[in-house]
Amino acid sequence: MRLVVLLFCLLLGLGAENAYAKPAAKNAKSAPAKSTSKNTPAKKTTKSSVKASSKNASKPSATKKTDAQINEQKNALKKLESDLAKKRQELALLETEEKGVLNTISILDQNLNQTRTYLSELSKSEVMLERALVQLTADIDSLDRKIETRREAMKKRIRTLYISGRNSEARVLYSLLTQEGNPDRQVYWVHHILNQDQQEVEVLQQLVQERDEKIQAESAHLSDLKQLRTKKAAEEKGLVSQMSGQEKMLQTLKHDQNMQRRALKEFEQNQKTMLALIKKLEEKRKKEIEQAKKDEAARKAKEKADKGKKKDSKAPAKTVEKPKVTVAESVKGPKCTPLKGNVISQYGLQEHPVLHIMTRNLGVEIRGKRGEAVRAAAAGSVVMVGEIDGRGPSVIIEHAGGTYSVYGHLKSIRVQEGKEVRNCEEIGEVGDVASLNGIKLYFQVSEGTQTVDPLQWLKQK
């Protein structure tokens, strides 16, 4: 029986010889010709080292996380490129259509800001790709060293086989099978000797495959980096041109009285639109109060009439909530600054920071940073979400007593009309839509139809 097992193992050994036709493997310690039946601890160590090498070869690359970040950054750049393309189309239309002065300045400013943001993201992508390339170069060098070490070991292994031949391995196998001992342990070591070469070859193949994949990734990253730097150079050149164009227009506005009159007319029209909107909301609120009063009076009259007919009515009359207030008054209690930042335009009469003409501001403007949250200044109900001339995407919140707070130039809005909001609840994200000078929040407060200084209103307890 042992002779049959020995012949079977020798046939397996011949199959292992064919593995050397593939890329060479290594490990000087693995030569079975030097092994003896008594040297079992050494063989155990050799097997564990092969397994460890195999694990390391197939382990997921540490660069996968970096690659995921690079792909995420690519998607962000695509979105920015799409937004930028739309703004540049609007800018192109300005050359063929007669646009308002304020609208033209606003589109120029938005295009300029988005170009700066795009350049910033391009620089971020450039840094990520450079770091990834450094890591890939280090990984490839490390794999090259491992592959070379294994190939050298395989050369020694082949040399040993050439000198000693398979007879030496046969003697070792025969010794294992004929000596006294645990049969299961003997079979284990027979398989170990015969499979060890095959495992070494597989590990080497995995290392070579991993290196090839990293070389391909390196080539792709180098191509991406080259394209990215070309885009960046073009955008930097375009930014200089845009800044020059904007400066030229602002200088023209500063000295062209006709253009100043047009700009002032547009500004005043935007102010009138804002006041008319608040007036409309206040009229609606007062009508609701009057209707509530009528409903309350009708309810009382019905109760009085029913009282004479039925003293113990099982079905109580429908109740209508009494109006809490009938006139506008300042909101009591804690208030929240809608955006932390420098106030760049105060309430009331002042020189406009862009137009350089005297204007009356209905609110204040607070400088913001891209991505910052805008919060409700006090608890209330959202009565309007939409686009307002000169303010862009905006939210208006009605507070107790007919006080209204307005939030303009929002990039995104996270509330809906009719919904209640808590004090300091996030309602949107600051932006630069319809802004003339960058990312900012337009913040206005009206008590009834009368605007008040928002900064003083925030200080009231």
Protein backbone atom coordinates (compact mmCIF):
# COMPACT_ATOMS: atom_id res chain seq x y z
CA MET A 1 0.00 0.00 0.00
CA ARG A 2 2.82 2.40 0.90
CA LEU A 3 4.46 1.66 -2.45
CA VAL A 4 1.24 2.64 -4.27
CA VAL A 5 1.11 5.92 -2.31
CA LEU A 6 4.77 6.56 -3.16
CA LEU A 7 4.16 6.04 -6.90
CA PHE A 8 1.12 8.38 -6.78
CA CYS A 9 3.19 11.05 -5.05
CA LEU A 10 5.98 10.72 -7.59
CA LEU A 11 3.45 11.26 -10.41
CA LEU A 12 2.30 14.45 -8.67
CA GLY A 13 5.94 15.47 -8.48
CA LEU A 14 6.27 15.15 -12.25
CA GLY A 15 3.26 17.43 -12.64
CA ALA A 16 4.96 19.99 -10.44
CA GLU A 17 7.97 19.97 -12.80
CA ASN A 18 5.80 21.46 -15.56
CA ALA A 19 5.18 24.49 -13.42
CA TYR A 20 8.75 25.64 -14.09
CA ALA A 21 7.80 26.37 -17.69
CA LYS A 22 5.93 29.39 -16.23
CA PRO A 23 7.65 32.48 -14.73
CA ALA A 24 10.15 31.27 -12.14
CA ALA A 25 9.33 31.20 -8.42
CA LYS A 26 11.72 31.33 -5.48
CA ASN A 27 12.63 30.49 -1.91
CA ALA A 28 15.98 28.98 -1.18
CA LYS A 29 14.65 27.32 1.96
CA SER A 30 12.05 25.31 0.02
CA ALA A 31 14.39 22.81 -1.72
CA PRO A 32 13.06 19.37 -0.75
CA ALA A 33 16.39 17.75 -1.71
CA LYS A 34 17.94 19.28 1.40
CA SER A 35 15.07 18.23 3.62
CA THR A 36 15.14 15.21 5.89
CA SER A 37 12.39 13.29 7.58
CA LYS A 38 13.62 14.43 10.98
CA ASN A 39 13.72 18.12 10.09
CA THR A 40 9.98 18.65 10.36
CA PRO A 41 10.11 22.05 12.22
CA ALA A 42 12.09 23.59 9.34
CA LYS A 43 9.54 22.36 6.83
CA LYS A 44 6.68 23.82 8.88
CA THR A 45 8.37 27.21 8.88
CA THR A 46 8.85 27.01 5.08
CA LYS A 47 5.19 26.29 4.48
CA SER A 48 4.03 29.12 6.70
CA SER A 49 6.35 31.52 4.86
CA VAL A 50 4.87 30.44 1.52
CA LYS A 51 1.35 31.00 2.80
CA ALA A 52 2.32 34.39 4.20
CA SER A 53 3.85 35.37 0.86
CA SER A 54 0.71 34.22 -0.93
CA LYS A 55 -1.45 36.32 1.39
CA ASN A 56 0.68 39.41 0.85
CA ALA A 57 0.57 38.94 -2.91
CA SER A 58 -3.24 38.72 -3.04
CA LYS A 59 -3.95 41.34 -0.36
CA PRO A 60 -6.01 44.34 -1.66
CA SER A 61 -3.77 47.26 -2.57
CA ALA A 62 -3.53 50.16 -0.13
CA THR A 63 -3.95 52.48 -3.12
CA LYS A 64 -7.57 51.39 -3.67
CA LYS A 65 -8.77 53.91 -1.10
CA THR A 66 -6.79 56.64 -2.86
CA ASP A 67 -8.22 55.56 -6.23
CA ALA A 68 -11.76 55.83 -4.79
CA GLN A 69 -11.01 59.36 -3.59
CA ILE A 70 -9.60 60.29 -7.00
CA ASN A 71 -12.77 58.97 -8.71
CA GLU A 72 -14.93 60.93 -6.28
CA GLN A 73 -12.91 64.05 -7.04
CA LYS A 74 -13.35 63.41 -10.80
CA ASN A 75 -17.14 63.35 -10.35
CA ALA A 76 -17.00 66.62 -8.39
CA LEU A 77 -14.95 68.20 -11.19
CA LYS A 78 -17.47 67.02 -13.82
CA LYS A 79 -20.29 68.73 -11.92
CA LEU A 80 -18.27 71.94 -11.60
CA GLU A 81 -17.45 71.81 -15.31
CA SER A 82 -21.17 71.44 -16.10
CA ASP A 83 -22.13 74.42 -13.89
CA LEU A 84 -19.29 76.48 -15.33
CA ALA A 85 -20.39 75.70 -18.89
CA LYS A 86 -23.92 76.99 -18.13
CA LYS A 87 -22.58 80.22 -16.65
CA ARG A 88 -20.33 80.74 -19.64
CA GLN A 89 -23.31 80.26 -21.97
CA GLU A 90 -25.13 83.00 -20.05
CA LEU A 91 -22.03 85.15 -20.36
CA ALA A 92 -21.93 84.54 -24.12
CA LEU A 93 -25.56 85.67 -24.42
CA LEU A 94 -24.65 89.02 -22.86
CA GLU A 95 -22.74 89.83 -26.03
CA THR A 96 -25.82 89.32 -28.25
CA GLU A 97 -28.66 90.46 -25.95
CA GLU A 98 -29.32 93.63 -24.05
CA LYS A 99 -29.08 92.66 -20.39
CA GLY A 100 -29.47 94.79 -17.28
CA VAL A 101 -26.36 96.28 -15.72
CA LEU A 102 -26.83 94.48 -12.39
CA ASN A 103 -27.59 91.17 -14.09
CA THR A 104 -24.45 91.49 -16.22
CA ILE A 105 -22.25 92.25 -13.21
CA SER A 106 -23.85 89.37 -11.30
CA ILE A 107 -23.19 86.81 -14.07
CA LEU A 108 -19.63 88.06 -14.48
CA ASP A 109 -19.04 87.72 -10.74
CA GLN A 110 -20.58 84.25 -10.53
CA ASN A 111 -18.53 83.07 -13.50
CA LEU A 112 -15.39 84.44 -11.88
CA ASN A 113 -16.16 82.76 -8.53
CA GLN A 114 -16.92 79.42 -10.17
CA THR A 115 -13.69 79.59 -12.17
CA ARG A 116 -11.77 80.17 -8.93
CA THR A 117 -13.56 77.22 -7.30
CA TYR A 118 -12.86 75.03 -10.34
CA LEU A 119 -9.17 75.96 -10.23
CA SER A 120 -9.08 75.14 -6.53
CA GLU A 121 -10.58 71.70 -7.20
CA LEU A 122 -8.17 71.12 -10.09
CA SER A 123 -5.27 71.85 -7.75
CA LYS A 124 -6.71 69.44 -5.20
CA SER A 125 -6.98 66.73 -7.88
CA GLU A 126 -3.43 67.45 -8.99
CA VAL A 127 -2.10 66.92 -5.46
CA MET A 128 -4.09 63.68 -5.08
CA LEU A 129 -2.75 62.29 -8.37
CA GLU A 130 0.83 63.26 -7.50
CA ARG A 131 0.56 61.48 -4.14
CA ALA A 132 -0.99 58.43 -5.79
CA LEU A 133 1.86 58.31 -8.31
CA VAL A 134 4.47 58.51 -5.55
CA GLN A 135 2.77 55.62 -3.76
CA LEU A 136 2.47 53.56 -6.96
CA THR A 137 6.15 54.09 -7.76
CA ALA A 138 7.09 52.89 -4.28
CA ASP A 139 4.77 49.86 -4.60
CA ILE A 140 6.17 48.94 -8.02
CA ASP A 141 9.75 49.19 -6.75
CA SER A 142 8.86 46.99 -3.78
CA LEU A 143 7.20 44.40 -6.03
CA ASP A 144 10.19 44.45 -8.39
CA ARG A 145 12.48 43.60 -5.48
CA LYS A 146 10.20 40.78 -4.31
CA ILE A 147 9.95 39.35 -7.82
CA GLU A 148 13.72 39.49 -8.33
CA THR A 149 14.33 37.79 -4.98
CA ARG A 150 11.89 34.99 -5.85
CA ARG A 151 13.38 34.52 -9.30
CA GLU A 152 16.86 34.21 -7.88
CA ALA A 153 15.59 31.62 -5.42
CA MET A 154 13.91 29.76 -8.25
CA LYS A 155 17.17 29.70 -10.21
CA LYS A 156 18.84 28.02 -7.22
CA ARG A 157 15.93 25.59 -6.97
CA ILE A 158 16.24 24.64 -10.65
CA ARG A 159 20.01 24.26 -10.28
CA THR A 160 19.49 21.93 -7.30
CA LEU A 161 17.00 19.84 -9.27
CA TYR A 162 19.40 19.71 -12.22
CA ILE A 163 22.29 18.53 -10.02
CA SER A 164 20.40 16.20 -7.69
CA GLY A 165 17.54 15.21 -9.95
CA ARG A 166 14.19 13.93 -8.79
CA ASN A 167 15.84 10.84 -7.22
CA SER A 168 16.78 12.87 -4.16
CA GLU A 169 13.14 13.87 -3.66
CA ALA A 170 12.05 10.29 -4.18
CA ARG A 171 14.45 9.19 -1.42
CA VAL A 172 13.00 11.78 0.94
CA LEU A 173 9.45 10.68 0.10
CA TYR A 174 10.41 7.01 0.54
CA SER A 175 12.01 7.81 3.88
CA LEU A 176 8.87 9.60 5.05
CA LEU A 177 6.63 6.72 4.08
CA THR A 178 8.76 3.87 5.43
CA GLN A 179 9.73 5.28 8.81
CA GLU A 180 7.71 4.56 11.91
CA GLY A 181 5.32 7.33 12.94
CA ASN A 182 1.87 8.84 12.61
CA PRO A 183 0.57 7.96 9.10
CA ASP A 184 -1.53 11.14 8.86
CA ARG A 185 1.53 13.28 9.64
CA GLN A 186 3.58 11.40 7.06
CA VAL A 187 0.93 11.98 4.34
CA TYR A 188 0.82 15.68 5.35
CA TRP A 189 4.56 16.12 4.72
CA VAL A 190 4.42 14.19 1.45
CA HIS A 191 1.77 16.62 0.14
CA HIS A 192 3.77 19.52 1.54
CA ILE A 193 6.90 18.59 -0.42
CA LEU A 194 5.00 17.98 -3.66
CA ASN A 195 2.82 21.15 -3.47
CA GLN A 196 5.46 23.56 -2.24
CA ASP A 197 6.94 24.33 -5.67
CA GLN A 198 3.49 24.91 -7.14
CA GLN A 199 2.64 27.36 -4.34
CA GLU A 200 5.85 29.28 -4.95
CA VAL A 201 5.07 29.63 -8.66
CA GLU A 202 1.52 30.85 -7.89
CA VAL A 203 2.85 33.48 -5.48
CA LEU A 204 5.29 34.71 -8.09
CA GLN A 205 2.53 34.90 -10.70
CA GLN A 206 0.38 36.93 -8.30
CA LEU A 207 3.24 39.33 -7.64
CA VAL A 208 3.84 39.82 -11.37
CA GLN A 209 0.11 40.37 -11.99
CA GLU A 210 -0.10 42.92 -9.17
CA ARG A 211 2.92 44.77 -10.53
CA ASP A 212 1.38 44.86 -14.04
CA GLU A 213 -1.87 46.28 -12.61
CA LYS A 214 0.03 48.98 -10.75
CA ILE A 215 2.02 49.88 -13.86
CA GLN A 216 -1.28 50.26 -15.77
CA ALA A 217 -2.70 52.43 -12.96
CA GLU A 218 0.47 54.52 -12.99
CA SER A 219 0.16 55.06 -16.74
CA ALA A 220 -3.53 56.07 -16.39
CA HIS A 221 -2.74 58.51 -13.56
CA LEU A 222 0.09 60.07 -15.57
CA SER A 223 -2.30 60.59 -18.49
CA ASP A 224 -4.94 62.12 -16.18
CA LEU A 225 -2.33 64.38 -14.58
CA LYS A 226 -1.19 65.63 -17.96
CA GLN A 227 -4.77 66.45 -19.04
CA LEU A 228 -5.52 68.06 -15.69
CA ARG A 229 -2.47 70.33 -15.88
CA THR A 230 -3.45 71.37 -19.41
CA LYS A 231 -6.95 72.29 -18.17
CA LYS A 232 -5.51 74.12 -15.19
CA ALA A 233 -3.17 76.20 -17.35
CA ALA A 234 -6.07 77.15 -19.66
CA GLU A 235 -8.33 78.06 -16.71
CA GLU A 236 -5.63 80.17 -15.08
CA LYS A 237 -5.20 82.07 -18.34
CA GLY A 238 -8.98 82.46 -18.65
CA LEU A 239 -9.25 83.70 -15.07
CA VAL A 240 -6.86 86.55 -15.78
CA SER A 241 -8.95 87.48 -18.83
CA GLN A 242 -12.21 87.35 -16.84
CA MET A 243 -10.80 89.48 -14.04
CA SER A 244 -9.63 92.01 -16.59
CA GLY A 245 -13.09 92.07 -18.23
CA GLN A 246 -14.87 92.52 -14.91
CA GLU A 247 -12.51 95.30 -13.85
CA LYS A 248 -13.02 97.04 -17.17
CA MET A 249 -16.80 96.97 -16.80
CA LEU A 250 -16.68 98.25 -13.20
CA GLN A 251 -14.40 101.08 -14.25
CA THR A 252 -16.79 101.95 -17.07
CA LEU A 253 -19.70 101.91 -14.61
CA LYS A 254 -17.79 104.18 -12.26
CA HIS A 255 -17.33 106.88 -14.91
CA ASP A 256 -20.33 106.37 -17.19
CA GLN A 257 -23.24 108.39 -15.79
CA ASN A 258 -25.74 106.83 -18.18
CA MET A 259 -24.78 103.33 -17.01
CA GLN A 260 -24.96 104.49 -13.37
CA ARG A 261 -28.52 105.77 -13.90
CA ARG A 262 -29.52 102.44 -15.43
CA ALA A 263 -27.93 100.53 -12.55
CA LEU A 264 -29.63 102.74 -9.95
CA LYS A 265 -32.99 102.32 -11.67
CA GLU A 266 -32.60 98.53 -11.64
CA PHE A 267 -31.54 98.61 -7.99
CA GLU A 268 -34.55 100.71 -6.95
CA GLN A 269 -36.87 98.44 -8.93
CA ASN A 270 -35.51 95.44 -7.05
CA GLN A 271 -36.10 97.24 -3.76
CA LYS A 272 -39.71 98.02 -4.75
CA THR A 273 -40.26 94.37 -5.70
CA MET A 274 -38.98 93.30 -2.28
CA LEU A 275 -41.24 95.75 -0.41
CA ALA A 276 -44.26 94.78 -2.53
CA LEU A 277 -43.66 91.12 -1.72
CA ILE A 278 -43.58 91.78 2.03
CA LYS A 279 -46.70 93.96 1.72
CA LYS A 280 -48.53 91.16 -0.07
CA LEU A 281 -47.57 88.65 2.64
CA GLU A 282 -48.69 91.05 5.38
CA GLU A 283 -52.04 91.66 3.65
CA LYS A 284 -52.56 87.92 3.42
CA ARG A 285 -51.76 87.54 7.12
CA LYS A 286 -54.24 90.29 8.09
CA LYS A 287 -56.97 88.76 5.92
CA GLU A 288 -56.42 85.45 7.71
CA ILE A 289 -56.73 87.24 11.06
CA GLU A 290 -59.94 88.99 9.97
CA GLN A 291 -61.35 85.72 8.72
CA ALA A 292 -60.45 84.08 12.03
CA LYS A 293 -62.31 86.85 13.87
CA LYS A 294 -65.40 86.35 11.74
CA ASP A 295 -65.26 82.60 12.25
CA GLU A 296 -64.93 83.13 16.00
CA ALA A 297 -67.90 85.54 16.06
CA ALA A 298 -70.01 83.10 14.02
CA ARG A 299 -69.08 80.28 16.36
CA LYS A 300 -70.14 82.28 19.43
CA ALA A 301 -73.43 83.31 17.80
CA LYS A 302 -74.17 79.69 16.92
CA GLU A 303 -73.34 78.57 20.44
CA LYS A 304 -75.70 81.18 21.86
CA ALA A 305 -78.50 80.12 19.50
CA ASP A 306 -77.97 76.43 20.20
CA LYS A 307 -77.92 77.06 23.95
CA GLY A 308 -81.55 78.07 23.93
CA LYS A 309 -82.58 74.96 22.02
CA LYS A 310 -80.41 72.29 23.58
CA LYS A 311 -78.73 72.69 26.89
CA ASP A 312 -76.97 69.31 26.74
CA SER A 313 -75.83 69.03 23.17
CA LYS A 314 -73.71 65.91 22.56
CA ALA A 315 -72.07 67.27 19.41
CA PRO A 316 -69.99 70.34 20.33
CA ALA A 317 -69.71 73.09 17.75
CA LYS A 318 -66.58 73.25 15.62
CA THR A 319 -64.04 75.52 17.24
CA VAL A 320 -61.78 77.98 15.47
CA GLU A 321 -58.51 79.11 16.95
CA LYS A 322 -58.51 82.69 18.19
CA PRO A 323 -55.96 84.97 16.61
CA LYS A 324 -53.13 85.57 19.05
CA VAL A 325 -52.14 88.98 17.68
CA THR A 326 -53.61 91.46 15.27
CA VAL A 327 -50.74 93.91 14.85
CA ALA A 328 -47.08 93.50 13.98
CA GLU A 329 -44.62 93.46 16.84
CA SER A 330 -41.03 92.40 17.37
CA VAL A 331 -40.35 88.75 18.07
CA LYS A 332 -39.67 88.02 21.72
CA GLY A 333 -37.15 85.51 23.00
CA PRO A 334 -33.78 84.23 21.76
CA LYS A 335 -32.67 84.85 18.19
CA CYS A 336 -29.99 83.29 16.01
CA THR A 337 -27.46 84.98 13.74
CA PRO A 338 -28.26 83.40 10.36
CA LEU A 339 -24.62 83.31 9.19
CA LYS A 340 -21.31 83.87 10.96
CA GLY A 341 -19.23 86.32 8.93
CA ASN A 342 -18.29 89.93 8.34
CA VAL A 343 -21.09 92.38 7.56
CA ILE A 344 -20.04 93.90 4.23
CA SER A 345 -23.10 96.10 3.68
CA GLN A 346 -25.07 97.85 6.44
CA TYR A 347 -28.77 98.69 6.72
CA GLY A 348 -29.96 102.07 5.45
CA LEU A 349 -28.44 104.80 3.29
CA GLN A 350 -24.87 104.14 2.17
CA GLU A 351 -22.51 103.98 -0.81
CA HIS A 352 -22.99 100.76 -2.71
CA PRO A 353 -19.76 98.68 -2.52
CA VAL A 354 -19.88 97.75 -6.23
CA LEU A 355 -21.89 100.47 -7.97
CA HIS A 356 -20.25 103.30 -5.97
CA ILE A 357 -23.51 105.23 -5.85
CA MET A 358 -25.67 106.12 -2.82
CA THR A 359 -28.38 103.52 -2.21
CA ARG A 360 -30.79 102.65 0.59
CA ASN A 361 -30.32 99.06 1.71
CA LEU A 362 -33.39 97.27 3.10
CA GLY A 363 -31.23 94.71 4.90
CA VAL A 364 -27.62 93.74 5.50
CA GLU A 365 -25.15 91.58 3.58
CA ILE A 366 -22.97 89.06 5.39
CA ARG A 367 -19.87 87.58 3.76
CA GLY A 368 -19.97 83.78 3.56
CA LYS A 369 -17.83 80.85 2.51
CA ARG A 370 -18.86 78.19 0.03
CA GLY A 371 -20.81 75.39 1.70
CA GLU A 372 -21.70 77.31 4.90
CA ALA A 373 -25.19 76.77 6.32
CA VAL A 374 -27.77 79.56 6.66
CA ARG A 375 -30.03 79.30 9.73
CA ALA A 376 -33.46 80.65 10.68
CA ALA A 377 -33.05 83.77 12.84
CA ALA A 378 -36.08 82.74 14.95
CA ALA A 379 -38.86 80.17 15.04
CA GLY A 380 -41.63 80.68 12.51
CA SER A 381 -43.36 79.48 9.38
CA VAL A 382 -41.90 79.45 5.87
CA VAL A 383 -44.23 81.64 3.77
CA MET A 384 -42.17 81.86 0.56
CA VAL A 385 -39.49 79.90 -1.25
CA GLY A 386 -38.46 81.18 -4.66
CA GLU A 387 -36.48 83.56 -6.85
CA ILE A 388 -36.57 87.28 -5.97
CA ASP A 389 -35.21 89.95 -8.31
CA GLY A 390 -31.85 91.12 -7.08
CA ARG A 391 -31.81 88.52 -4.28
CA GLY A 392 -31.72 85.26 -6.23
CA PRO A 393 -33.03 82.05 -4.60
CA SER A 394 -34.58 83.20 -1.31
CA VAL A 395 -36.59 82.13 1.73
CA ILE A 396 -39.02 84.29 3.71
CA ILE A 397 -40.05 83.24 7.22
CA GLU A 398 -43.01 84.70 9.11
CA HIS A 399 -42.51 85.00 12.86
CA ALA A 400 -44.97 85.76 15.68
CA GLY A 401 -46.77 89.08 15.37
CA GLY A 402 -46.20 89.62 11.65
CA THR A 403 -42.42 89.90 11.62
CA TYR A 404 -40.71 88.65 8.45
CA SER A 405 -37.09 87.64 7.88
CA VAL A 406 -35.66 87.32 4.38
CA TYR A 407 -32.63 85.20 3.34
CA GLY A 408 -31.26 85.81 -0.17
CA HIS A 409 -28.48 84.64 -2.55
CA LEU A 410 -28.88 81.03 -1.40
CA LYS A 411 -27.11 78.29 -3.32
CA SER A 412 -29.50 75.61 -2.05
CA ILE A 413 -32.73 75.64 -0.03
CA ARG A 414 -33.70 72.90 2.44
CA VAL A 415 -37.16 74.03 3.58
CA GLN A 416 -40.60 74.12 1.95
CA GLU A 417 -43.44 76.64 2.03
CA GLY A 418 -45.91 76.04 4.83
CA LYS A 419 -43.41 74.21 7.04
CA GLU A 420 -42.58 75.32 10.57
CA VAL A 421 -38.95 75.98 11.44
CA ARG A 422 -37.24 76.12 14.82
CA ASN A 423 -34.95 78.84 16.06
CA CYS A 424 -31.51 78.39 14.46
CA GLU A 425 -32.68 75.54 12.19
CA GLU A 426 -30.70 75.14 8.97
CA ILE A 427 -32.71 76.40 5.99
CA GLY A 428 -30.16 76.43 3.16
CA GLU A 429 -26.62 77.07 1.96
CA VAL A 430 -25.04 80.45 1.26
CA GLY A 431 -24.21 81.21 -2.37
CA ASP A 432 -23.56 83.93 -4.94
CA VAL A 433 -26.59 83.71 -7.24
CA ALA A 434 -27.65 87.27 -8.20
CA SER A 435 -24.82 88.62 -6.05
CA LEU A 436 -22.61 91.39 -7.39
CA ASN A 437 -19.63 90.71 -5.15
CA GLY A 438 -19.09 87.10 -4.28
CA ILE A 439 -20.58 84.63 -1.82
CA LYS A 440 -22.81 86.37 0.71
CA LEU A 441 -26.16 86.28 2.51
CA TYR A 442 -28.75 89.00 2.08
CA PHE A 443 -30.62 89.27 5.40
CA GLN A 444 -33.64 91.50 5.88
CA VAL A 445 -36.17 91.94 8.70
CA SER A 446 -39.58 93.64 8.45
CA GLU A 447 -42.06 94.26 11.26
CA GLY A 448 -45.26 94.31 9.28
CA THR A 449 -44.37 96.28 6.15
CA GLN A 450 -41.73 98.38 7.92
CA THR A 451 -38.11 97.26 7.52
CA VAL A 452 -35.86 97.47 10.58
CA ASP A 453 -32.11 97.14 11.13
CA PRO A 454 -31.58 93.34 11.21
CA LEU A 455 -28.50 93.62 13.44
CA GLN A 456 -30.40 95.63 16.08
CA TRP A 457 -33.35 93.26 15.81
CA LEU A 458 -31.10 90.29 16.52
CA LYS A 459 -29.97 91.95 19.77
CA GLN A 460 -33.54 92.38 21.11
CA LYS A 461 -34.49 89.96 23.88
